[in-house]
Amino acid sequence: MECPPAYRLLDLVSELGEIATDATESTEYGAHPSDIRLGSDELGDALFSLLALADAADVDAGQALDDALEKYADRIDDTGMPSSGR
């Protein structure tokens, strides 16, 4: 199951596309956003793909998550609200 990071990235994007399809179809293309349904199987596939990408890129996924959580906590402390920005 070893493959280069570029292939892992393509797999991740494909899995995210499947999640987007679930969201799009369950909300009738956004007409009913509160009806969103996301399959746990597709979310699991995306999580696996993300972790496989981190492994292939020699990135410690746990440390990357800790760093991201710290970054978001700092943003909340600075502004009082979460940010989706860079």
C-alpha atoms as a PDB file:
ATOM      1  CA  MET A   1       0.000   0.000   0.000  1.00  0.00           C
ATOM      2  CA  GLU A   2       3.024   2.258  -0.314  1.00  0.00           C
ATOM      3  CA  CYS A   3       2.827   5.004  -2.916  1.00  0.00           C
ATOM      4  CA  PRO A   4       4.223   8.508  -3.444  1.00  0.00           C
ATOM      5  CA  PRO A   5       2.604  11.536  -1.757  1.00  0.00           C
ATOM      6  CA  ALA A   6       1.313  12.861  -5.090  1.00  0.00           C
ATOM      7  CA  TYR A   7      -0.864   9.760  -5.497  1.00  0.00           C
ATOM      8  CA  ARG A   8      -2.014   9.979  -1.885  1.00  0.00           C
ATOM      9  CA  LEU A   9      -3.033  13.597  -2.494  1.00  0.00           C
ATOM     10  CA  LEU A  10      -5.052  12.625  -5.556  1.00  0.00           C
ATOM     11  CA  ASP A  11      -6.770   9.900  -3.536  1.00  0.00           C
ATOM     12  CA  LEU A  12      -7.599  12.389  -0.769  1.00  0.00           C
ATOM     13  CA  VAL A  13      -9.100  14.866  -3.224  1.00  0.00           C
ATOM     14  CA  SER A  14     -11.157  12.060  -4.754  1.00  0.00           C
ATOM     15  CA  GLU A  15     -12.484  11.058  -1.323  1.00  0.00           C
ATOM     16  CA  LEU A  16     -13.326  14.686  -0.525  1.00  0.00           C
ATOM     17  CA  GLY A  17     -15.218  14.819  -3.805  1.00  0.00           C
ATOM     18  CA  GLU A  18     -17.309  11.870  -2.652  1.00  0.00           C
ATOM     19  CA  ILE A  19     -18.136  13.745   0.565  1.00  0.00           C
ATOM     20  CA  ALA A  20     -19.069  16.800  -1.492  1.00  0.00           C
ATOM     21  CA  THR A  21     -21.340  14.613  -3.622  1.00  0.00           C
ATOM     22  CA  ASP A  22     -23.096  13.337  -0.479  1.00  0.00           C
ATOM     23  CA  ALA A  23     -23.563  16.914   0.727  1.00  0.00           C
ATOM     24  CA  THR A  24     -24.744  18.189  -2.633  1.00  0.00           C
ATOM     25  CA  GLU A  25     -27.247  15.413  -3.187  1.00  0.00           C
ATOM     26  CA  SER A  26     -28.606  15.332   0.367  1.00  0.00           C
ATOM     27  CA  THR A  27     -29.244  19.103   0.337  1.00  0.00           C
ATOM     28  CA  GLU A  28     -30.736  19.006  -3.146  1.00  0.00           C
ATOM     29  CA  TYR A  29     -27.870  21.109  -4.483  1.00  0.00           C
ATOM     30  CA  GLY A  30     -27.976  23.517  -1.554  1.00  0.00           C
ATOM     31  CA  ALA A  31     -31.722  24.130  -1.566  1.00  0.00           C
ATOM     32  CA  HIS A  32     -32.071  22.525   1.883  1.00  0.00           C
ATOM     33  CA  PRO A  33     -28.760  22.982   3.722  1.00  0.00           C
ATOM     34  CA  SER A  34     -30.134  21.718   7.028  1.00  0.00           C
ATOM     35  CA  ASP A  35     -30.789  18.316   5.417  1.00  0.00           C
ATOM     36  CA  ILE A  36     -27.097  17.595   4.879  1.00  0.00           C
ATOM     37  CA  ARG A  37     -26.141  13.955   5.304  1.00  0.00           C
ATOM     38  CA  LEU A  38     -22.556  12.805   5.278  1.00  0.00           C
ATOM     39  CA  GLY A  39     -21.773   9.114   5.268  1.00  0.00           C
ATOM     40  CA  SER A  40     -19.421   7.921   7.971  1.00  0.00           C
ATOM     41  CA  ASP A  41     -17.914   5.523   5.438  1.00  0.00           C
ATOM     42  CA  GLU A  42     -16.923   8.408   3.154  1.00  0.00           C
ATOM     43  CA  LEU A  43     -15.595  10.450   6.072  1.00  0.00           C
ATOM     44  CA  GLY A  44     -13.610   7.414   7.183  1.00  0.00           C
ATOM     45  CA  ASP A  45     -12.176   7.011   3.685  1.00  0.00           C
ATOM     46  CA  ALA A  46     -11.127  10.678   3.661  1.00  0.00           C
ATOM     47  CA  LEU A  47      -9.523  10.382   7.094  1.00  0.00           C
ATOM     48  CA  PHE A  48      -7.612   7.296   5.987  1.00  0.00           C
ATOM     49  CA  SER A  49      -6.463   9.099   2.838  1.00  0.00           C
ATOM     50  CA  LEU A  50      -5.325  12.135   4.828  1.00  0.00           C
ATOM     51  CA  LEU A  51      -3.390  10.004   7.294  1.00  0.00           C
ATOM     52  CA  ALA A  52      -1.859   7.998   4.444  1.00  0.00           C
ATOM     53  CA  LEU A  53      -0.799  11.276   2.794  1.00  0.00           C
ATOM     54  CA  ALA A  54       0.809  12.471   6.029  1.00  0.00           C
ATOM     55  CA  ASP A  55       2.652   9.178   6.338  1.00  0.00           C
ATOM     56  CA  ALA A  56       3.827   9.253   2.725  1.00  0.00           C
ATOM     57  CA  ALA A  57       5.025  12.849   3.189  1.00  0.00           C
ATOM     58  CA  ASP A  58       6.797  11.914   6.429  1.00  0.00           C
ATOM     59  CA  VAL A  59       4.616  14.285   8.463  1.00  0.00           C
ATOM     60  CA  ASP A  60       3.619  13.401  12.021  1.00  0.00           C
ATOM     61  CA  ALA A  61      -0.180  13.682  11.776  1.00  0.00           C
ATOM     62  CA  GLY A  62      -0.632  13.952  15.543  1.00  0.00           C
ATOM     63  CA  GLN A  63       1.877  16.780  15.785  1.00  0.00           C
ATOM     64  CA  ALA A  64       0.321  18.521  12.772  1.00  0.00           C
ATOM     65  CA  LEU A  65      -3.088  18.361  14.481  1.00  0.00           C
ATOM     66  CA  ASP A  66      -1.649  19.690  17.742  1.00  0.00           C
ATOM     67  CA  ASP A  67      -0.008  22.571  15.850  1.00  0.00           C
ATOM     68  CA  ALA A  68      -3.273  23.399  14.068  1.00  0.00           C
ATOM     69  CA  LEU A  69      -5.273  23.329  17.318  1.00  0.00           C
ATOM     70  CA  GLU A  70      -2.754  25.645  18.940  1.00  0.00           C
ATOM     71  CA  LYS A  71      -2.937  28.009  15.956  1.00  0.00           C
ATOM     72  CA  TYR A  72      -6.744  28.111  16.148  1.00  0.00           C
ATOM     73  CA  ALA A  73      -6.688  28.619  19.923  1.00  0.00           C
ATOM     74  CA  ASP A  74      -4.326  31.574  19.423  1.00  0.00           C
ATOM     75  CA  ARG A  75      -6.675  33.082  16.841  1.00  0.00           C
ATOM     76  CA  ILE A  76      -9.630  32.731  19.191  1.00  0.00           C
ATOM     77  CA  ASP A  77      -7.620  34.347  21.995  1.00  0.00           C
ATOM     78  CA  ASP A  78      -6.578  37.228  19.717  1.00  0.00           C
ATOM     79  CA  THR A  79      -9.960  37.926  18.140  1.00  0.00           C
ATOM     80  CA  GLY A  80     -12.526  36.218  20.312  1.00  0.00           C
ATOM     81  CA  MET A  81     -13.731  34.225  17.338  1.00  0.00           C
ATOM     82  CA  PRO A  82     -12.468  31.298  15.259  1.00  0.00           C
ATOM     83  CA  SER A  83     -10.986  31.931  11.854  1.00  0.00           C
ATOM     84  CA  SER A  84     -10.983  29.799   8.750  1.00  0.00           C
ATOM     85  CA  GLY A  85      -8.277  31.982   7.274  1.00  0.00           C
ATOM     86  CA  ARG A  86      -4.604  31.465   6.762  1.00  0.00           C
END
